[in-house]
Amino acid sequence: MHFEFRRHVGAISPVTNAVTFRVDRLVETPTRNASADLSHLIDPSYEYHSPRELRWHLADRLGLAPAAVRLKEAA
């Protein structure tokens, strides 16, 4: 599955001291002619540390292997 996400400005993690981000919008990129907004599948208040963490979260949520999830940040 292919997804595109739009990043929302996050904060500095007090644990890792790294910049985090929230997902503003998550869209399954079209495999046909339509795209599906799947923002409801994730918690919009969660602070992700990396796109890789988001990919693993989506894979777990959808019951897929992480390698089956493709993720791209919207421009």
PDB file of N, CA and C in Angstrom:
ATOM      1  N   MET A   1       0.845  -1.173   0.000  1.00  0.00           N
ATOM      2  CA  MET A   1       0.000   0.000   0.000  1.00  0.00           C
ATOM      3  C   MET A   1       0.891   1.238   0.000  1.00  0.00           C
ATOM      4  N   HIS A   2       0.448   2.241  -0.706  1.00  0.00           N
ATOM      5  CA  HIS A   2       1.199   3.488  -0.821  1.00  0.00           C
ATOM      6  C   HIS A   2       0.434   4.612  -0.122  1.00  0.00           C
ATOM      7  N   PHE A   3       1.158   5.345   0.704  1.00  0.00           N
ATOM      8  CA  PHE A   3       0.545   6.439   1.457  1.00  0.00           C
ATOM      9  C   PHE A   3       1.347   7.720   1.283  1.00  0.00           C
ATOM     10  N   GLU A   4       0.656   8.824   1.410  1.00  0.00           N
ATOM     11  CA  GLU A   4       1.289  10.131   1.409  1.00  0.00           C
ATOM     12  C   GLU A   4       0.819  10.843   2.672  1.00  0.00           C
ATOM     13  N   PHE A   5       1.748  11.458   3.389  1.00  0.00           N
ATOM     14  CA  PHE A   5       1.358  12.162   4.606  1.00  0.00           C
ATOM     15  C   PHE A   5       1.824  13.603   4.567  1.00  0.00           C
ATOM     16  N   ARG A   6       1.082  14.434   5.256  1.00  0.00           N
ATOM     17  CA  ARG A   6       1.455  15.841   5.401  1.00  0.00           C
ATOM     18  C   ARG A   6       1.835  16.052   6.856  1.00  0.00           C
ATOM     19  N   ARG A   7       3.019  16.564   7.047  1.00  0.00           N
ATOM     20  CA  ARG A   7       3.598  16.760   8.375  1.00  0.00           C
ATOM     21  C   ARG A   7       3.052  18.039   9.012  1.00  0.00           C
ATOM     22  N   HIS A   8       2.782  17.955  10.298  1.00  0.00           N
ATOM     23  CA  HIS A   8       2.395  19.116  11.089  1.00  0.00           C
ATOM     24  C   HIS A   8       3.533  19.377  12.074  1.00  0.00           C
ATOM     25  N   VAL A   9       3.883  20.611  12.240  1.00  0.00           N
ATOM     26  CA  VAL A   9       5.003  20.963  13.117  1.00  0.00           C
ATOM     27  C   VAL A   9       4.818  20.323  14.493  1.00  0.00           C
ATOM     28  N   GLY A  10       5.864  19.699  14.969  1.00  0.00           N
ATOM     29  CA  GLY A  10       5.817  19.023  16.252  1.00  0.00           C
ATOM     30  C   GLY A  10       6.598  19.761  17.316  1.00  0.00           C
ATOM     31  N   ALA A  11       7.224  19.013  18.162  1.00  0.00           N
ATOM     32  CA  ALA A  11       7.958  19.566  19.296  1.00  0.00           C
ATOM     33  C   ALA A  11       9.284  18.833  19.445  1.00  0.00           C
ATOM     34  N   ILE A  12      10.009  19.185  20.473  1.00  0.00           N
ATOM     35  CA  ILE A  12      11.242  18.477  20.834  1.00  0.00           C
ATOM     36  C   ILE A  12      10.885  17.436  21.888  1.00  0.00           C
ATOM     37  N   SER A  13      11.261  16.201  21.627  1.00  0.00           N
ATOM     38  CA  SER A  13      10.978  15.134  22.571  1.00  0.00           C
ATOM     39  C   SER A  13      11.819  15.328  23.833  1.00  0.00           C
ATOM     40  N   PRO A  14      11.197  15.313  25.010  1.00  0.00           N
ATOM     41  CA  PRO A  14      11.972  15.449  26.237  1.00  0.00           C
ATOM     42  C   PRO A  14      12.815  14.204  26.536  1.00  0.00           C
ATOM     43  N   VAL A  15      12.478  13.088  25.913  1.00  0.00           N
ATOM     44  CA  VAL A  15      13.197  11.840  26.151  1.00  0.00           C
ATOM     45  C   VAL A  15      14.425  11.729  25.255  1.00  0.00           C
ATOM     46  N   THR A  16      14.245  11.988  23.952  1.00  0.00           N
ATOM     47  CA  THR A  16      15.337  11.802  22.995  1.00  0.00           C
ATOM     48  C   THR A  16      15.985  13.107  22.555  1.00  0.00           C
ATOM     49  N   ASN A  17      15.364  14.221  22.881  1.00  0.00           N
ATOM     50  CA  ASN A  17      15.844  15.545  22.484  1.00  0.00           C
ATOM     51  C   ASN A  17      15.859  15.704  20.957  1.00  0.00           C
ATOM     52  N   ALA A  18      15.012  14.944  20.277  1.00  0.00           N
ATOM     53  CA  ALA A  18      14.913  15.005  18.816  1.00  0.00           C
ATOM     54  C   ALA A  18      13.608  15.701  18.431  1.00  0.00           C
ATOM     55  N   VAL A  19      13.595  16.263  17.238  1.00  0.00           N
ATOM     56  CA  VAL A  19      12.391  16.915  16.732  1.00  0.00           C
ATOM     57  C   VAL A  19      11.362  15.850  16.357  1.00  0.00           C
ATOM     58  N   THR A  20      10.124  16.065  16.753  1.00  0.00           N
ATOM     59  CA  THR A  20       9.047  15.150  16.421  1.00  0.00           C
ATOM     60  C   THR A  20       8.056  15.863  15.503  1.00  0.00           C
ATOM     61  N   PHE A  21       7.106  15.102  14.981  1.00  0.00           N
ATOM     62  CA  PHE A  21       6.074  15.696  14.138  1.00  0.00           C
ATOM     63  C   PHE A  21       4.758  14.956  14.325  1.00  0.00           C
ATOM     64  N   ARG A  22       3.677  15.646  14.031  1.00  0.00           N
ATOM     65  CA  ARG A  22       2.357  15.032  14.004  1.00  0.00           C
ATOM     66  C   ARG A  22       1.935  14.918  12.555  1.00  0.00           C
ATOM     67  N   VAL A  23       1.053  13.982  12.281  1.00  0.00           N
ATOM     68  CA  VAL A  23       0.540  13.824  10.925  1.00  0.00           C
ATOM     69  C   VAL A  23      -0.723  14.654  10.799  1.00  0.00           C
ATOM     70  N   ASP A  24      -0.691  15.597   9.867  1.00  0.00           N
ATOM     71  CA  ASP A  24      -1.837  16.461   9.618  1.00  0.00           C
ATOM     72  C   ASP A  24      -2.864  15.748   8.747  1.00  0.00           C
ATOM     73  N   ARG A  25      -2.358  15.007   7.740  1.00  0.00           N
ATOM     74  CA  ARG A  25      -3.260  14.303   6.825  1.00  0.00           C
ATOM     75  C   ARG A  25      -2.551  13.067   6.281  1.00  0.00           C
ATOM     76  N   LEU A  26      -3.288  11.979   6.188  1.00  0.00           N
ATOM     77  CA  LEU A  26      -2.765  10.724   5.654  1.00  0.00           C
ATOM     78  C   LEU A  26      -3.683  10.275   4.522  1.00  0.00           C
ATOM     79  N   VAL A  27      -3.109  10.075   3.347  1.00  0.00           N
ATOM     80  CA  VAL A  27      -3.898   9.702   2.169  1.00  0.00           C
ATOM     81  C   VAL A  27      -3.281   8.473   1.528  1.00  0.00           C
ATOM     82  N   GLU A  28      -4.139   7.514   1.189  1.00  0.00           N
ATOM     83  CA  GLU A  28      -3.654   6.387   0.391  1.00  0.00           C
ATOM     84  C   GLU A  28      -3.559   6.895  -1.035  1.00  0.00           C
ATOM     85  N   THR A  29      -2.395   6.803  -1.616  1.00  0.00           N
ATOM     86  CA  THR A  29      -2.214   7.323  -2.967  1.00  0.00           C
ATOM     87  C   THR A  29      -2.970   6.437  -3.946  1.00  0.00           C
ATOM     88  N   PRO A  30      -3.445   7.055  -4.986  1.00  0.00           N
ATOM     89  CA  PRO A  30      -4.342   6.324  -5.885  1.00  0.00           C
ATOM     90  C   PRO A  30      -3.668   5.172  -6.623  1.00  0.00           C
ATOM     91  N   THR A  31      -4.302   4.055  -6.563  1.00  0.00           N
ATOM     92  CA  THR A  31      -3.880   2.934  -7.378  1.00  0.00           C
ATOM     93  C   THR A  31      -4.758   2.900  -8.630  1.00  0.00           C
ATOM     94  N   ARG A  32      -5.882   3.575  -8.526  1.00  0.00           N
ATOM     95  CA  ARG A  32      -6.769   3.742  -9.680  1.00  0.00           C
ATOM     96  C   ARG A  32      -6.842   5.236  -9.963  1.00  0.00           C
ATOM     97  N   ASN A  33      -8.035   5.825  -9.931  1.00  0.00           N
ATOM     98  CA  ASN A  33      -8.189   7.254 -10.198  1.00  0.00           C
ATOM     99  C   ASN A  33      -8.604   8.041  -8.972  1.00  0.00           C
ATOM    100  N   ALA A  34      -8.782   7.384  -7.848  1.00  0.00           N
ATOM    101  CA  ALA A  34      -9.238   8.079  -6.643  1.00  0.00           C
ATOM    102  C   ALA A  34      -8.283   7.796  -5.493  1.00  0.00           C
ATOM    103  N   SER A  35      -8.172   8.766  -4.582  1.00  0.00           N
ATOM    104  CA  SER A  35      -7.364   8.556  -3.382  1.00  0.00           C
ATOM    105  C   SER A  35      -8.302   8.490  -2.192  1.00  0.00           C
ATOM    106  N   ALA A  36      -7.852   7.859  -1.130  1.00  0.00           N
ATOM    107  CA  ALA A  36      -8.675   7.691   0.065  1.00  0.00           C
ATOM    108  C   ALA A  36      -8.001   8.377   1.241  1.00  0.00           C
ATOM    109  N   ASP A  37      -8.739   9.237   1.923  1.00  0.00           N
ATOM    110  CA  ASP A  37      -8.230   9.897   3.119  1.00  0.00           C
ATOM    111  C   ASP A  37      -8.350   8.925   4.287  1.00  0.00           C
ATOM    112  N   LEU A  38      -7.223   8.561   4.856  1.00  0.00           N
ATOM    113  CA  LEU A  38      -7.196   7.593   5.961  1.00  0.00           C
ATOM    114  C   LEU A  38      -6.702   8.230   7.254  1.00  0.00           C
ATOM    115  N   SER A  39      -6.845   9.522   7.374  1.00  0.00           N
ATOM    116  CA  SER A  39      -6.371  10.239   8.561  1.00  0.00           C
ATOM    117  C   SER A  39      -6.994   9.706   9.842  1.00  0.00           C
ATOM    118  N   HIS A  40      -8.192   9.167   9.732  1.00  0.00           N
ATOM    119  CA  HIS A  40      -8.890   8.657  10.911  1.00  0.00           C
ATOM    120  C   HIS A  40      -8.231   7.410  11.509  1.00  0.00           C
ATOM    121  N   LEU A  41      -7.310   6.789  10.785  1.00  0.00           N
ATOM    122  CA  LEU A  41      -6.654   5.576  11.276  1.00  0.00           C
ATOM    123  C   LEU A  41      -5.567   5.837  12.319  1.00  0.00           C
ATOM    124  N   ILE A  42      -5.130   7.087  12.429  1.00  0.00           N
ATOM    125  CA  ILE A  42      -4.044   7.388  13.358  1.00  0.00           C
ATOM    126  C   ILE A  42      -4.460   8.484  14.328  1.00  0.00           C
ATOM    127  N   ASP A  43      -3.796   8.537  15.450  1.00  0.00           N
ATOM    128  CA  ASP A  43      -4.040   9.553  16.473  1.00  0.00           C
ATOM    129  C   ASP A  43      -3.335  10.842  16.051  1.00  0.00           C
ATOM    130  N   PRO A  44      -4.087  11.915  15.781  1.00  0.00           N
ATOM    131  CA  PRO A  44      -3.463  13.149  15.305  1.00  0.00           C
ATOM    132  C   PRO A  44      -2.609  13.861  16.354  1.00  0.00           C
ATOM    133  N   SER A  45      -2.712  13.458  17.599  1.00  0.00           N
ATOM    134  CA  SER A  45      -1.911  14.107  18.644  1.00  0.00           C
ATOM    135  C   SER A  45      -0.596  13.376  18.928  1.00  0.00           C
ATOM    136  N   TYR A  46      -0.399  12.217  18.299  1.00  0.00           N
ATOM    137  CA  TYR A  46       0.819  11.431  18.544  1.00  0.00           C
ATOM    138  C   TYR A  46       2.026  12.098  17.894  1.00  0.00           C
ATOM    139  N   GLU A  47       3.112  12.178  18.608  1.00  0.00           N
ATOM    140  CA  GLU A  47       4.348  12.794  18.126  1.00  0.00           C
ATOM    141  C   GLU A  47       5.277  11.703  17.582  1.00  0.00           C
ATOM    142  N   TYR A  48       5.378  11.613  16.261  1.00  0.00           N
ATOM    143  CA  TYR A  48       6.267  10.640  15.619  1.00  0.00           C
ATOM    144  C   TYR A  48       7.694  11.172  15.602  1.00  0.00           C
ATOM    145  N   HIS A  49       8.645  10.276  15.745  1.00  0.00           N
ATOM    146  CA  HIS A  49      10.056  10.651  15.702  1.00  0.00           C
ATOM    147  C   HIS A  49      10.638  10.558  14.303  1.00  0.00           C
ATOM    148  N   SER A  50       9.992   9.773  13.433  1.00  0.00           N
ATOM    149  CA  SER A  50      10.504   9.613  12.074  1.00  0.00           C
ATOM    150  C   SER A  50       9.408   9.055  11.171  1.00  0.00           C
ATOM    151  N   PRO A  51       9.548   9.237   9.865  1.00  0.00           N
ATOM    152  CA  PRO A  51       8.620   8.595   8.941  1.00  0.00           C
ATOM    153  C   PRO A  51       8.658   7.068   9.059  1.00  0.00           C
ATOM    154  N   ARG A  52       9.817   6.541   9.416  1.00  0.00           N
ATOM    155  CA  ARG A  52       9.927   5.087   9.609  1.00  0.00           C
ATOM    156  C   ARG A  52       9.002   4.614  10.721  1.00  0.00           C
ATOM    157  N   GLU A  53       8.925   5.364  11.811  1.00  0.00           N
ATOM    158  CA  GLU A  53       8.023   5.010  12.908  1.00  0.00           C
ATOM    159  C   GLU A  53       6.571   5.042  12.431  1.00  0.00           C
ATOM    160  N   LEU A  54       6.223   6.038  11.636  1.00  0.00           N
ATOM    161  CA  LEU A  54       4.873   6.122  11.072  1.00  0.00           C
ATOM    162  C   LEU A  54       4.585   4.921  10.178  1.00  0.00           C
ATOM    163  N   ARG A  55       5.551   4.532   9.359  1.00  0.00           N
ATOM    164  CA  ARG A  55       5.378   3.369   8.474  1.00  0.00           C
ATOM    165  C   ARG A  55       5.112   2.102   9.284  1.00  0.00           C
ATOM    166  N   TRP A  56       5.878   1.895  10.349  1.00  0.00           N
ATOM    167  CA  TRP A  56       5.677   0.715  11.203  1.00  0.00           C
ATOM    168  C   TRP A  56       4.317   0.777  11.896  1.00  0.00           C
ATOM    169  N   HIS A  57       3.913   1.937  12.324  1.00  0.00           N
ATOM    170  CA  HIS A  57       2.616   2.101  12.969  1.00  0.00           C
ATOM    171  C   HIS A  57       1.495   1.752  11.990  1.00  0.00           C
ATOM    172  N   LEU A  58       1.589   2.252  10.755  1.00  0.00           N
ATOM    173  CA  LEU A  58       0.577   1.935   9.748  1.00  0.00           C
ATOM    174  C   LEU A  58       0.540   0.444   9.436  1.00  0.00           C
ATOM    175  N   ALA A  59       1.695  -0.168   9.309  1.00  0.00           N
ATOM    176  CA  ALA A  59       1.756  -1.600   9.033  1.00  0.00           C
ATOM    177  C   ALA A  59       1.066  -2.390  10.140  1.00  0.00           C
ATOM    178  N   ASP A  60       1.336  -2.034  11.377  1.00  0.00           N
ATOM    179  CA  ASP A  60       0.711  -2.707  12.513  1.00  0.00           C
ATOM    180  C   ASP A  60      -0.801  -2.490  12.497  1.00  0.00           C
ATOM    181  N   ARG A  61      -1.204  -1.281  12.263  1.00  0.00           N
ATOM    182  CA  ARG A  61      -2.618  -0.911  12.254  1.00  0.00           C
ATOM    183  C   ARG A  61      -3.398  -1.638  11.162  1.00  0.00           C
ATOM    184  N   LEU A  62      -2.750  -1.849  10.005  1.00  0.00           N
ATOM    185  CA  LEU A  62      -3.411  -2.478   8.863  1.00  0.00           C
ATOM    186  C   LEU A  62      -3.146  -3.974   8.746  1.00  0.00           C
ATOM    187  N   GLY A  63      -2.332  -4.515   9.668  1.00  0.00           N
ATOM    188  CA  GLY A  63      -2.035  -5.943   9.642  1.00  0.00           C
ATOM    189  C   GLY A  63      -1.141  -6.343   8.478  1.00  0.00           C
ATOM    190  N   LEU A  64      -0.228  -5.458   8.116  1.00  0.00           N
ATOM    191  CA  LEU A  64       0.682  -5.708   7.002  1.00  0.00           C
ATOM    192  C   LEU A  64       2.118  -5.804   7.497  1.00  0.00           C
ATOM    193  N   ALA A  65       2.962  -6.376   6.668  1.00  0.00           N
ATOM    194  CA  ALA A  65       4.396  -6.354   6.952  1.00  0.00           C
ATOM    195  C   ALA A  65       4.884  -4.930   6.662  1.00  0.00           C
ATOM    196  N   PRO A  66       5.801  -4.396   7.472  1.00  0.00           N
ATOM    197  CA  PRO A  66       6.300  -3.043   7.223  1.00  0.00           C
ATOM    198  C   PRO A  66       6.841  -2.843   5.804  1.00  0.00           C
ATOM    199  N   ALA A  67       7.400  -3.884   5.208  1.00  0.00           N
ATOM    200  CA  ALA A  67       7.924  -3.770   3.846  1.00  0.00           C
ATOM    201  C   ALA A  67       6.819  -3.548   2.811  1.00  0.00           C
ATOM    202  N   ALA A  68       5.583  -3.866   3.164  1.00  0.00           N
ATOM    203  CA  ALA A  68       4.453  -3.705   2.232  1.00  0.00           C
ATOM    204  C   ALA A  68       3.897  -2.287   2.246  1.00  0.00           C
ATOM    205  N   VAL A  69       4.370  -1.455   3.171  1.00  0.00           N
ATOM    206  CA  VAL A  69       3.880  -0.090   3.299  1.00  0.00           C
ATOM    207  C   VAL A  69       4.897   0.877   2.698  1.00  0.00           C
ATOM    208  N   ARG A  70       4.463   1.652   1.734  1.00  0.00           N
ATOM    209  CA  ARG A  70       5.291   2.690   1.128  1.00  0.00           C
ATOM    210  C   ARG A  70       4.769   4.037   1.614  1.00  0.00           C
ATOM    211  N   LEU A  71       5.685   4.900   1.992  1.00  0.00           N
ATOM    212  CA  LEU A  71       5.310   6.171   2.589  1.00  0.00           C
ATOM    213  C   LEU A  71       6.081   7.306   1.937  1.00  0.00           C
ATOM    214  N   LYS A  72       5.361   8.370   1.598  1.00  0.00           N
ATOM    215  CA  LYS A  72       5.986   9.535   0.965  1.00  0.00           C
ATOM    216  C   LYS A  72       5.425  10.784   1.624  1.00  0.00           C
ATOM    217  N   GLU A  73       6.303  11.756   1.865  1.00  0.00           N
ATOM    218  CA  GLU A  73       5.857  13.016   2.446  1.00  0.00           C
ATOM    219  C   GLU A  73       5.359  13.936   1.344  1.00  0.00           C
ATOM    220  N   ALA A  74       4.199  14.547   1.567  1.00  0.00           N
ATOM    221  CA  ALA A  74       3.624  15.470   0.579  1.00  0.00           C
ATOM    222  C   ALA A  74       4.483  16.720   0.499  1.00  0.00           C
ATOM    223  N   ALA A  75       4.583  17.258  -0.669  1.00  0.00           N
ATOM    224  CA  ALA A  75       5.386  18.471  -0.898  1.00  0.00           C
ATOM    225  C   ALA A  75       4.678  19.711  -0.452  1.00  0.00           C
TER     226      ALA A  75
END
